[in-house]
Amino acid sequence: MEKVIDFLDRLLKHNNREWFNEHKAEYQTIQAYFNEFVAHLIAGIETFDQSVAGLEVKNCVYRIYRDTRFSHDKTPYKTHMGAYICRGGKCSGYAGYYFH
């Protein structure tokens, strides 16, 4: 997880499209690592909460791109990664487990 935090720290300092595009391959590696972590997290939660059985990672992780349409802060990327694990995935409206 140290590499993820290092990348996010650098993104915090250089939160613009040019920098992100130059480091897109690194982000994709970090994203794959985080997705693997979330898969293990889902499997662990599944041992005591069967409602998350069969849940896919893509239905739990949030994207890094920010919606800046109505925000005073126009930085294009989030400086964190997050996953919401619950029955039906992050858009289901059910209570669940959040990792930030």
PDB file of N, CA and C in Angstrom:
ATOM      1  N   MET A   1       0.831  -1.191   0.000  1.00  0.00           N
ATOM      2  CA  MET A   1       0.000   0.000   0.000  1.00  0.00           C
ATOM      3  C   MET A   1       0.876   1.257   0.000  1.00  0.00           C
ATOM      4  N   GLU A   2       2.150   1.101   0.316  1.00  0.00           N
ATOM      5  CA  GLU A   2       3.059   2.239   0.347  1.00  0.00           C
ATOM      6  C   GLU A   2       3.172   2.916  -1.021  1.00  0.00           C
ATOM      7  N   LYS A   3       3.190   2.120  -2.098  1.00  0.00           N
ATOM      8  CA  LYS A   3       3.277   2.689  -3.448  1.00  0.00           C
ATOM      9  C   LYS A   3       2.027   3.482  -3.797  1.00  0.00           C
ATOM     10  N   VAL A   4       0.888   3.008  -3.331  1.00  0.00           N
ATOM     11  CA  VAL A   4      -0.372   3.721  -3.575  1.00  0.00           C
ATOM     12  C   VAL A   4      -0.331   5.085  -2.888  1.00  0.00           C
ATOM     13  N   ILE A   5       0.076   5.099  -1.636  1.00  0.00           N
ATOM     14  CA  ILE A   5       0.130   6.351  -0.877  1.00  0.00           C
ATOM     15  C   ILE A   5       1.156   7.305  -1.482  1.00  0.00           C
ATOM     16  N   ASP A   6       2.292   6.783  -1.924  1.00  0.00           N
ATOM     17  CA  ASP A   6       3.313   7.618  -2.562  1.00  0.00           C
ATOM     18  C   ASP A   6       2.763   8.271  -3.829  1.00  0.00           C
ATOM     19  N   PHE A   7       2.082   7.494  -4.660  1.00  0.00           N
ATOM     20  CA  PHE A   7       1.505   8.046  -5.883  1.00  0.00           C
ATOM     21  C   PHE A   7       0.470   9.126  -5.552  1.00  0.00           C
ATOM     22  N   LEU A   8      -0.381   8.859  -4.581  1.00  0.00           N
ATOM     23  CA  LEU A   8      -1.425   9.823  -4.227  1.00  0.00           C
ATOM     24  C   LEU A   8      -0.823  11.099  -3.638  1.00  0.00           C
ATOM     25  N   ASP A   9       0.276  10.988  -2.895  1.00  0.00           N
ATOM     26  CA  ASP A   9       0.973  12.173  -2.379  1.00  0.00           C
ATOM     27  C   ASP A   9       1.503  13.028  -3.526  1.00  0.00           C
ATOM     28  N   ARG A  10       2.088  12.387  -4.530  1.00  0.00           N
ATOM     29  CA  ARG A  10       2.591  13.129  -5.679  1.00  0.00           C
ATOM     30  C   ARG A  10       1.455  13.732  -6.489  1.00  0.00           C
ATOM     31  N   LEU A  11       0.332  13.014  -6.583  1.00  0.00           N
ATOM     32  CA  LEU A  11      -0.839  13.551  -7.282  1.00  0.00           C
ATOM     33  C   LEU A  11      -1.379  14.786  -6.566  1.00  0.00           C
ATOM     34  N   LEU A  12      -1.326  14.789  -5.251  1.00  0.00           N
ATOM     35  CA  LEU A  12      -1.769  15.942  -4.468  1.00  0.00           C
ATOM     36  C   LEU A  12      -0.964  17.189  -4.840  1.00  0.00           C
ATOM     37  N   LYS A  13       0.326  17.015  -5.068  1.00  0.00           N
ATOM     38  CA  LYS A  13       1.207  18.138  -5.409  1.00  0.00           C
ATOM     39  C   LYS A  13       1.096  18.551  -6.874  1.00  0.00           C
ATOM     40  N   HIS A  14       0.702  17.622  -7.735  1.00  0.00           N
ATOM     41  CA  HIS A  14       0.647  17.879  -9.181  1.00  0.00           C
ATOM     42  C   HIS A  14      -0.721  17.483  -9.743  1.00  0.00           C
ATOM     43  N   ASN A  15      -1.770  18.020  -9.188  1.00  0.00           N
ATOM     44  CA  ASN A  15      -3.118  17.620  -9.579  1.00  0.00           C
ATOM     45  C   ASN A  15      -3.560  18.370 -10.838  1.00  0.00           C
ATOM     46  N   ASN A  16      -3.011  17.922 -11.982  1.00  0.00           N
ATOM     47  CA  ASN A  16      -3.400  18.493 -13.271  1.00  0.00           C
ATOM     48  C   ASN A  16      -3.330  17.399 -14.333  1.00  0.00           C
ATOM     49  N   ARG A  17      -3.999  17.631 -15.427  1.00  0.00           N
ATOM     50  CA  ARG A  17      -4.113  16.610 -16.475  1.00  0.00           C
ATOM     51  C   ARG A  17      -2.779  16.261 -17.126  1.00  0.00           C
ATOM     52  N   GLU A  18      -1.918  17.255 -17.308  1.00  0.00           N
ATOM     53  CA  GLU A  18      -0.630  16.995 -17.958  1.00  0.00           C
ATOM     54  C   GLU A  18       0.197  16.008 -17.134  1.00  0.00           C
ATOM     55  N   TRP A  19       0.314  16.277 -15.829  1.00  0.00           N
ATOM     56  CA  TRP A  19       1.093  15.396 -14.958  1.00  0.00           C
ATOM     57  C   TRP A  19       0.461  14.002 -14.922  1.00  0.00           C
ATOM     58  N   PHE A  20      -0.847  13.954 -14.786  1.00  0.00           N
ATOM     59  CA  PHE A  20      -1.525  12.662 -14.699  1.00  0.00           C
ATOM     60  C   PHE A  20      -1.326  11.853 -15.974  1.00  0.00           C
ATOM     61  N   ASN A  21      -1.446  12.487 -17.117  1.00  0.00           N
ATOM     62  CA  ASN A  21      -1.255  11.775 -18.386  1.00  0.00           C
ATOM     63  C   ASN A  21       0.162  11.242 -18.527  1.00  0.00           C
ATOM     64  N   GLU A  22       1.150  11.993 -18.028  1.00  0.00           N
ATOM     65  CA  GLU A  22       2.539  11.528 -18.062  1.00  0.00           C
ATOM     66  C   GLU A  22       2.750  10.315 -17.158  1.00  0.00           C
ATOM     67  N   HIS A  23       1.937  10.196 -16.116  1.00  0.00           N
ATOM     68  CA  HIS A  23       2.076   9.121 -15.135  1.00  0.00           C
ATOM     69  C   HIS A  23       0.919   8.126 -15.187  1.00  0.00           C
ATOM     70  N   LYS A  24       0.223   8.080 -16.303  1.00  0.00           N
ATOM     71  CA  LYS A  24      -0.959   7.221 -16.444  1.00  0.00           C
ATOM     72  C   LYS A  24      -0.614   5.735 -16.299  1.00  0.00           C
ATOM     73  N   ALA A  25       0.509   5.302 -16.847  1.00  0.00           N
ATOM     74  CA  ALA A  25       0.903   3.888 -16.730  1.00  0.00           C
ATOM     75  C   ALA A  25       1.139   3.527 -15.266  1.00  0.00           C
ATOM     76  N   GLU A  26       1.758   4.428 -14.528  1.00  0.00           N
ATOM     77  CA  GLU A  26       1.974   4.191 -13.093  1.00  0.00           C
ATOM     78  C   GLU A  26       0.635   4.131 -12.366  1.00  0.00           C
ATOM     79  N   TYR A  27      -0.285   5.030 -12.715  1.00  0.00           N
ATOM     80  CA  TYR A  27      -1.611   5.003 -12.096  1.00  0.00           C
ATOM     81  C   TYR A  27      -2.314   3.677 -12.363  1.00  0.00           C
ATOM     82  N   GLN A  28      -2.217   3.178 -13.587  1.00  0.00           N
ATOM     83  CA  GLN A  28      -2.877   1.911 -13.916  1.00  0.00           C
ATOM     84  C   GLN A  28      -2.303   0.759 -13.097  1.00  0.00           C
ATOM     85  N   THR A  29      -1.007   0.783 -12.832  1.00  0.00           N
ATOM     86  CA  THR A  29      -0.382  -0.225 -11.971  1.00  0.00           C
ATOM     87  C   THR A  29      -0.908  -0.097 -10.547  1.00  0.00           C
ATOM     88  N   ILE A  30      -0.971   1.135 -10.057  1.00  0.00           N
ATOM     89  CA  ILE A  30      -1.481   1.404  -8.702  1.00  0.00           C
ATOM     90  C   ILE A  30      -2.946   0.987  -8.602  1.00  0.00           C
ATOM     91  N   GLN A  31      -3.716   1.294  -9.620  1.00  0.00           N
ATOM     92  CA  GLN A  31      -5.135   0.943  -9.630  1.00  0.00           C
ATOM     93  C   GLN A  31      -5.312  -0.579  -9.601  1.00  0.00           C
ATOM     94  N   ALA A  32      -4.502  -1.300 -10.361  1.00  0.00           N
ATOM     95  CA  ALA A  32      -4.575  -2.765 -10.363  1.00  0.00           C
ATOM     96  C   ALA A  32      -4.236  -3.322  -8.986  1.00  0.00           C
ATOM     97  N   TYR A  33      -3.235  -2.747  -8.336  1.00  0.00           N
ATOM     98  CA  TYR A  33      -2.859  -3.175  -6.982  1.00  0.00           C
ATOM     99  C   TYR A  33      -4.002  -2.916  -6.006  1.00  0.00           C
ATOM    100  N   PHE A  34      -4.609  -1.727  -6.084  1.00  0.00           N
ATOM    101  CA  PHE A  34      -5.725  -1.394  -5.203  1.00  0.00           C
ATOM    102  C   PHE A  34      -6.910  -2.319  -5.460  1.00  0.00           C
ATOM    103  N   ASN A  35      -7.198  -2.607  -6.721  1.00  0.00           N
ATOM    104  CA  ASN A  35      -8.306  -3.501  -7.060  1.00  0.00           C
ATOM    105  C   ASN A  35      -8.070  -4.902  -6.502  1.00  0.00           C
ATOM    106  N   GLU A  36      -6.830  -5.358  -6.539  1.00  0.00           N
ATOM    107  CA  GLU A  36      -6.493  -6.663  -5.962  1.00  0.00           C
ATOM    108  C   GLU A  36      -6.713  -6.644  -4.448  1.00  0.00           C
ATOM    109  N   PHE A  37      -6.333  -5.539  -3.811  1.00  0.00           N
ATOM    110  CA  PHE A  37      -6.569  -5.383  -2.372  1.00  0.00           C
ATOM    111  C   PHE A  37      -8.064  -5.443  -2.066  1.00  0.00           C
ATOM    112  N   VAL A  38      -8.866  -4.750  -2.867  1.00  0.00           N
ATOM    113  CA  VAL A  38     -10.316  -4.738  -2.658  1.00  0.00           C
ATOM    114  C   VAL A  38     -10.899  -6.135  -2.861  1.00  0.00           C
ATOM    115  N   ALA A  39     -10.380  -6.894  -3.809  1.00  0.00           N
ATOM    116  CA  ALA A  39     -10.847  -8.271  -4.014  1.00  0.00           C
ATOM    117  C   ALA A  39     -10.595  -9.110  -2.764  1.00  0.00           C
ATOM    118  N   HIS A  40      -9.422  -8.934  -2.150  1.00  0.00           N
ATOM    119  CA  HIS A  40      -9.123  -9.653  -0.898  1.00  0.00           C
ATOM    120  C   HIS A  40     -10.026  -9.167   0.233  1.00  0.00           C
ATOM    121  N   LEU A  41     -10.306  -7.864   0.244  1.00  0.00           N
ATOM    122  CA  LEU A  41     -11.190  -7.299   1.264  1.00  0.00           C
ATOM    123  C   LEU A  41     -12.602  -7.870   1.123  1.00  0.00           C
ATOM    124  N   ILE A  42     -13.096  -7.968  -0.095  1.00  0.00           N
ATOM    125  CA  ILE A  42     -14.422  -8.553  -0.334  1.00  0.00           C
ATOM    126  C   ILE A  42     -14.448  -9.996   0.149  1.00  0.00           C
ATOM    127  N   ALA A  43     -13.404 -10.754  -0.185  1.00  0.00           N
ATOM    128  CA  ALA A  43     -13.337 -12.163   0.237  1.00  0.00           C
ATOM    129  C   ALA A  43     -13.309 -12.271   1.754  1.00  0.00           C
ATOM    130  N   GLY A  44     -12.599 -11.372   2.420  1.00  0.00           N
ATOM    131  CA  GLY A  44     -12.554 -11.388   3.881  1.00  0.00           C
ATOM    132  C   GLY A  44     -13.898 -11.053   4.505  1.00  0.00           C
ATOM    133  N   ILE A  45     -14.563 -10.048   3.966  1.00  0.00           N
ATOM    134  CA  ILE A  45     -15.878  -9.661   4.483  1.00  0.00           C
ATOM    135  C   ILE A  45     -16.893 -10.760   4.230  1.00  0.00           C
ATOM    136  N   GLU A  46     -16.748 -11.445   3.108  1.00  0.00           N
ATOM    137  CA  GLU A  46     -17.673 -12.520   2.746  1.00  0.00           C
ATOM    138  C   GLU A  46     -17.671 -13.647   3.785  1.00  0.00           C
ATOM    139  N   THR A  47     -16.576 -13.808   4.534  1.00  0.00           N
ATOM    140  CA  THR A  47     -16.506 -14.872   5.542  1.00  0.00           C
ATOM    141  C   THR A  47     -17.497 -14.654   6.687  1.00  0.00           C
ATOM    142  N   PHE A  48     -17.880 -13.397   6.933  1.00  0.00           N
ATOM    143  CA  PHE A  48     -18.842 -13.135   8.006  1.00  0.00           C
ATOM    144  C   PHE A  48     -20.105 -12.414   7.537  1.00  0.00           C
ATOM    145  N   ASP A  49     -20.137 -11.992   6.268  1.00  0.00           N
ATOM    146  CA  ASP A  49     -21.309 -11.316   5.719  1.00  0.00           C
ATOM    147  C   ASP A  49     -21.572 -11.865   4.318  1.00  0.00           C
ATOM    148  N   GLN A  50     -22.464 -12.835   4.220  1.00  0.00           N
ATOM    149  CA  GLN A  50     -22.744 -13.505   2.945  1.00  0.00           C
ATOM    150  C   GLN A  50     -23.446 -12.622   1.921  1.00  0.00           C
ATOM    151  N   SER A  51     -23.920 -11.457   2.340  1.00  0.00           N
ATOM    152  CA  SER A  51     -24.621 -10.592   1.387  1.00  0.00           C
ATOM    153  C   SER A  51     -23.677 -10.020   0.321  1.00  0.00           C
ATOM    154  N   VAL A  52     -22.360 -10.062   0.554  1.00  0.00           N
ATOM    155  CA  VAL A  52     -21.409  -9.549  -0.442  1.00  0.00           C
ATOM    156  C   VAL A  52     -20.834 -10.666  -1.316  1.00  0.00           C
ATOM    157  N   ALA A  53     -21.334 -11.868  -1.162  1.00  0.00           N
ATOM    158  CA  ALA A  53     -20.847 -13.009  -1.952  1.00  0.00           C
ATOM    159  C   ALA A  53     -21.059 -12.746  -3.443  1.00  0.00           C
ATOM    160  N   GLY A  54     -20.017 -12.977  -4.223  1.00  0.00           N
ATOM    161  CA  GLY A  54     -20.100 -12.800  -5.665  1.00  0.00           C
ATOM    162  C   GLY A  54     -19.975 -11.370  -6.145  1.00  0.00           C
ATOM    163  N   LEU A  55     -19.722 -10.455  -5.250  1.00  0.00           N
ATOM    164  CA  LEU A  55     -19.594  -9.046  -5.612  1.00  0.00           C
ATOM    165  C   LEU A  55     -18.312  -8.820  -6.410  1.00  0.00           C
ATOM    166  N   GLU A  56     -18.385  -8.030  -7.463  1.00  0.00           N
ATOM    167  CA  GLU A  56     -17.223  -7.744  -8.300  1.00  0.00           C
ATOM    168  C   GLU A  56     -16.557  -6.447  -7.855  1.00  0.00           C
ATOM    169  N   VAL A  57     -15.248  -6.391  -8.004  1.00  0.00           N
ATOM    170  CA  VAL A  57     -14.460  -5.223  -7.607  1.00  0.00           C
ATOM    171  C   VAL A  57     -14.945  -3.973  -8.332  1.00  0.00           C
ATOM    172  N   LYS A  58     -15.222  -4.096  -9.620  1.00  0.00           N
ATOM    173  CA  LYS A  58     -15.617  -2.923 -10.412  1.00  0.00           C
ATOM    174  C   LYS A  58     -16.907  -2.279  -9.886  1.00  0.00           C
ATOM    175  N   ASN A  59     -17.716  -3.032  -9.154  1.00  0.00           N
ATOM    176  CA  ASN A  59     -18.949  -2.488  -8.586  1.00  0.00           C
ATOM    177  C   ASN A  59     -18.741  -1.838  -7.228  1.00  0.00           C
ATOM    178  N   CYS A  60     -17.491  -1.867  -6.739  1.00  0.00           N
ATOM    179  CA  CYS A  60     -17.196  -1.342  -5.404  1.00  0.00           C
ATOM    180  C   CYS A  60     -16.258  -0.146  -5.397  1.00  0.00           C
ATOM    181  N   VAL A  61     -15.327  -0.084  -6.337  1.00  0.00           N
ATOM    182  CA  VAL A  61     -14.317   0.984  -6.299  1.00  0.00           C
ATOM    183  C   VAL A  61     -14.835   2.249  -6.972  1.00  0.00           C
ATOM    184  N   TYR A  62     -14.369   3.370  -6.448  1.00  0.00           N
ATOM    185  CA  TYR A  62     -14.728   4.663  -7.014  1.00  0.00           C
ATOM    186  C   TYR A  62     -13.673   5.111  -8.006  1.00  0.00           C
ATOM    187  N   ARG A  63     -14.074   5.906  -8.965  1.00  0.00           N
ATOM    188  CA  ARG A  63     -13.143   6.417  -9.967  1.00  0.00           C
ATOM    189  C   ARG A  63     -12.300   7.537  -9.374  1.00  0.00           C
ATOM    190  N   ILE A  64     -11.173   7.818  -9.989  1.00  0.00           N
ATOM    191  CA  ILE A  64     -10.272   8.853  -9.492  1.00  0.00           C
ATOM    192  C   ILE A  64     -10.633  10.237 -10.033  1.00  0.00           C
ATOM    193  N   TYR A  65     -11.428  10.273 -11.078  1.00  0.00           N
ATOM    194  CA  TYR A  65     -11.783  11.544 -11.710  1.00  0.00           C
ATOM    195  C   TYR A  65     -12.873  12.249 -10.897  1.00  0.00           C
ATOM    196  N   ARG A  66     -12.695  13.520 -10.627  1.00  0.00           N
ATOM    197  CA  ARG A  66     -13.665  14.299  -9.864  1.00  0.00           C
ATOM    198  C   ARG A  66     -14.696  14.936 -10.790  1.00  0.00           C
ATOM    199  N   ASP A  67     -15.894  15.132 -10.289  1.00  0.00           N
ATOM    200  CA  ASP A  67     -16.914  15.895 -10.994  1.00  0.00           C
ATOM    201  C   ASP A  67     -16.758  17.345 -10.530  1.00  0.00           C
ATOM    202  N   THR A  68     -16.243  18.194 -11.383  1.00  0.00           N
ATOM    203  CA  THR A  68     -15.943  19.577 -10.990  1.00  0.00           C
ATOM    204  C   THR A  68     -16.988  20.581 -11.484  1.00  0.00           C
ATOM    205  N   ARG A  69     -18.065  20.110 -12.046  1.00  0.00           N
ATOM    206  CA  ARG A  69     -19.046  21.017 -12.652  1.00  0.00           C
ATOM    207  C   ARG A  69     -19.567  22.074 -11.692  1.00  0.00           C
ATOM    208  N   PHE A  70     -19.866  21.701 -10.464  1.00  0.00           N
ATOM    209  CA  PHE A  70     -20.481  22.637  -9.519  1.00  0.00           C
ATOM    210  C   PHE A  70     -19.576  22.929  -8.333  1.00  0.00           C
ATOM    211  N   SER A  71     -18.302  22.667  -8.486  1.00  0.00           N
ATOM    212  CA  SER A  71     -17.349  22.827  -7.395  1.00  0.00           C
ATOM    213  C   SER A  71     -16.455  24.040  -7.618  1.00  0.00           C
ATOM    214  N   HIS A  72     -16.116  24.726  -6.526  1.00  0.00           N
ATOM    215  CA  HIS A  72     -15.143  25.814  -6.621  1.00  0.00           C
ATOM    216  C   HIS A  72     -13.741  25.261  -6.829  1.00  0.00           C
ATOM    217  N   ASP A  73     -13.494  24.065  -6.323  1.00  0.00           N
ATOM    218  CA  ASP A  73     -12.207  23.387  -6.486  1.00  0.00           C
ATOM    219  C   ASP A  73     -12.220  22.655  -7.824  1.00  0.00           C
ATOM    220  N   LYS A  74     -11.448  23.104  -8.771  1.00  0.00           N
ATOM    221  CA  LYS A  74     -11.458  22.544 -10.125  1.00  0.00           C
ATOM    222  C   LYS A  74     -10.336  21.528 -10.363  1.00  0.00           C
ATOM    223  N   THR A  75      -9.677  21.058  -9.291  1.00  0.00           N
ATOM    224  CA  THR A  75      -8.659  20.026  -9.501  1.00  0.00           C
ATOM    225  C   THR A  75      -9.347  18.787 -10.057  1.00  0.00           C
ATOM    226  N   PRO A  76      -8.767  18.184 -11.111  1.00  0.00           N
ATOM    227  CA  PRO A  76      -9.484  17.139 -11.845  1.00  0.00           C
ATOM    228  C   PRO A  76      -9.473  15.744 -11.207  1.00  0.00           C
ATOM    229  N   TYR A  77      -8.614  15.514 -10.203  1.00  0.00           N
ATOM    230  CA  TYR A  77      -8.477  14.147  -9.672  1.00  0.00           C
ATOM    231  C   TYR A  77      -8.634  14.112  -8.161  1.00  0.00           C
ATOM    232  N   LYS A  78      -9.212  13.036  -7.679  1.00  0.00           N
ATOM    233  CA  LYS A  78      -9.290  12.797  -6.240  1.00  0.00           C
ATOM    234  C   LYS A  78      -7.900  12.422  -5.757  1.00  0.00           C
ATOM    235  N   THR A  79      -7.605  12.733  -4.532  1.00  0.00           N
ATOM    236  CA  THR A  79      -6.294  12.399  -3.974  1.00  0.00           C
ATOM    237  C   THR A  79      -6.409  11.251  -2.975  1.00  0.00           C
ATOM    238  N   HIS A  80      -7.387  10.412  -3.206  1.00  0.00           N
ATOM    239  CA  HIS A  80      -7.581   9.212  -2.391  1.00  0.00           C
ATOM    240  C   HIS A  80      -8.211   8.131  -3.272  1.00  0.00           C
ATOM    241  N   MET A  81      -8.204   6.928  -2.779  1.00  0.00           N
ATOM    242  CA  MET A  81      -8.888   5.827  -3.457  1.00  0.00           C
ATOM    243  C   MET A  81      -9.878   5.260  -2.444  1.00  0.00           C
ATOM    244  N   GLY A  82     -11.011   4.832  -2.935  1.00  0.00           N
ATOM    245  CA  GLY A  82     -12.027   4.333  -2.029  1.00  0.00           C
ATOM    246  C   GLY A  82     -12.817   3.190  -2.629  1.00  0.00           C
ATOM    247  N   ALA A  83     -13.380   2.393  -1.727  1.00  0.00           N
ATOM    248  CA  ALA A  83     -14.240   1.282  -2.146  1.00  0.00           C
ATOM    249  C   ALA A  83     -15.379   1.158  -1.145  1.00  0.00           C
ATOM    250  N   TYR A  84     -16.567   0.899  -1.654  1.00  0.00           N
ATOM    251  CA  TYR A  84     -17.742   0.684  -0.811  1.00  0.00           C
ATOM    252  C   TYR A  84     -18.255  -0.716  -1.105  1.00  0.00           C
ATOM    253  N   ILE A  85     -18.218  -1.546  -0.096  1.00  0.00           N
ATOM    254  CA  ILE A  85     -18.557  -2.959  -0.257  1.00  0.00           C
ATOM    255  C   ILE A  85     -19.891  -3.225   0.431  1.00  0.00           C
ATOM    256  N   CYS A  86     -20.886  -3.551  -0.377  1.00  0.00           N
ATOM    257  CA  CYS A  86     -22.199  -3.886   0.176  1.00  0.00           C
ATOM    258  C   CYS A  86     -22.967  -4.703  -0.854  1.00  0.00           C
ATOM    259  N   ARG A  87     -24.052  -5.294  -0.425  1.00  0.00           N
ATOM    260  CA  ARG A  87     -24.904  -6.067  -1.331  1.00  0.00           C
ATOM    261  C   ARG A  87     -25.309  -5.197  -2.514  1.00  0.00           C
ATOM    262  N   GLY A  88     -25.028  -5.647  -3.712  1.00  0.00           N
ATOM    263  CA  GLY A  88     -25.407  -4.915  -4.913  1.00  0.00           C
ATOM    264  C   GLY A  88     -24.409  -3.868  -5.375  1.00  0.00           C
ATOM    265  N   GLY A  89     -23.364  -3.622  -4.616  1.00  0.00           N
ATOM    266  CA  GLY A  89     -22.345  -2.657  -5.037  1.00  0.00           C
ATOM    267  C   GLY A  89     -22.603  -1.254  -4.532  1.00  0.00           C
ATOM    268  N   LYS A  90     -21.698  -0.359  -4.875  1.00  0.00           N
ATOM    269  CA  LYS A  90     -21.695   1.001  -4.329  1.00  0.00           C
ATOM    270  C   LYS A  90     -22.933   1.831  -4.675  1.00  0.00           C
ATOM    271  N   CYS A  91     -23.620   1.502  -5.728  1.00  0.00           N
ATOM    272  CA  CYS A  91     -24.797   2.289  -6.135  1.00  0.00           C
ATOM    273  C   CYS A  91     -26.118   1.700  -5.650  1.00  0.00           C
ATOM    274  N   SER A  92     -26.065   0.658  -4.834  1.00  0.00           N
ATOM    275  CA  SER A  92     -27.280  -0.049  -4.450  1.00  0.00           C
ATOM    276  C   SER A  92     -28.108   0.662  -3.388  1.00  0.00           C
ATOM    277  N   GLY A  93     -27.469   1.498  -2.567  1.00  0.00           N
ATOM    278  CA  GLY A  93     -28.198   2.172  -1.504  1.00  0.00           C
ATOM    279  C   GLY A  93     -28.238   1.415  -0.191  1.00  0.00           C
ATOM    280  N   TYR A  94     -27.659   0.232  -0.143  1.00  0.00           N
ATOM    281  CA  TYR A  94     -27.622  -0.558   1.094  1.00  0.00           C
ATOM    282  C   TYR A  94     -26.457  -0.128   1.978  1.00  0.00           C
ATOM    283  N   ALA A  95     -26.592  -0.393   3.271  1.00  0.00           N
ATOM    284  CA  ALA A  95     -25.495  -0.168   4.203  1.00  0.00           C
ATOM    285  C   ALA A  95     -24.371  -1.145   3.901  1.00  0.00           C
ATOM    286  N   GLY A  96     -23.135  -0.730   4.176  1.00  0.00           N
ATOM    287  CA  GLY A  96     -22.023  -1.610   3.865  1.00  0.00           C
ATOM    288  C   GLY A  96     -20.744  -1.181   4.548  1.00  0.00           C
ATOM    289  N   TYR A  97     -19.632  -1.503   3.918  1.00  0.00           N
ATOM    290  CA  TYR A  97     -18.302  -1.279   4.451  1.00  0.00           C
ATOM    291  C   TYR A  97     -17.546  -0.360   3.509  1.00  0.00           C
ATOM    292  N   TYR A  98     -16.983   0.701   4.050  1.00  0.00           N
ATOM    293  CA  TYR A  98     -16.264   1.694   3.226  1.00  0.00           C
ATOM    294  C   TYR A  98     -14.783   1.673   3.587  1.00  0.00           C
ATOM    295  N   PHE A  99     -13.941   1.596   2.570  1.00  0.00           N
ATOM    296  CA  PHE A  99     -12.493   1.684   2.764  1.00  0.00           C
ATOM    297  C   PHE A  99     -12.009   2.901   1.983  1.00  0.00           C
ATOM    298  N   HIS A 100     -11.277   3.773   2.662  1.00  0.00           N
ATOM    299  CA  HIS A 100     -10.810   5.032   2.063  1.00  0.00           C
ATOM    300  C   HIS A 100      -9.308   5.115   2.235  1.00  0.00           C
TER     301      HIS A 100
END
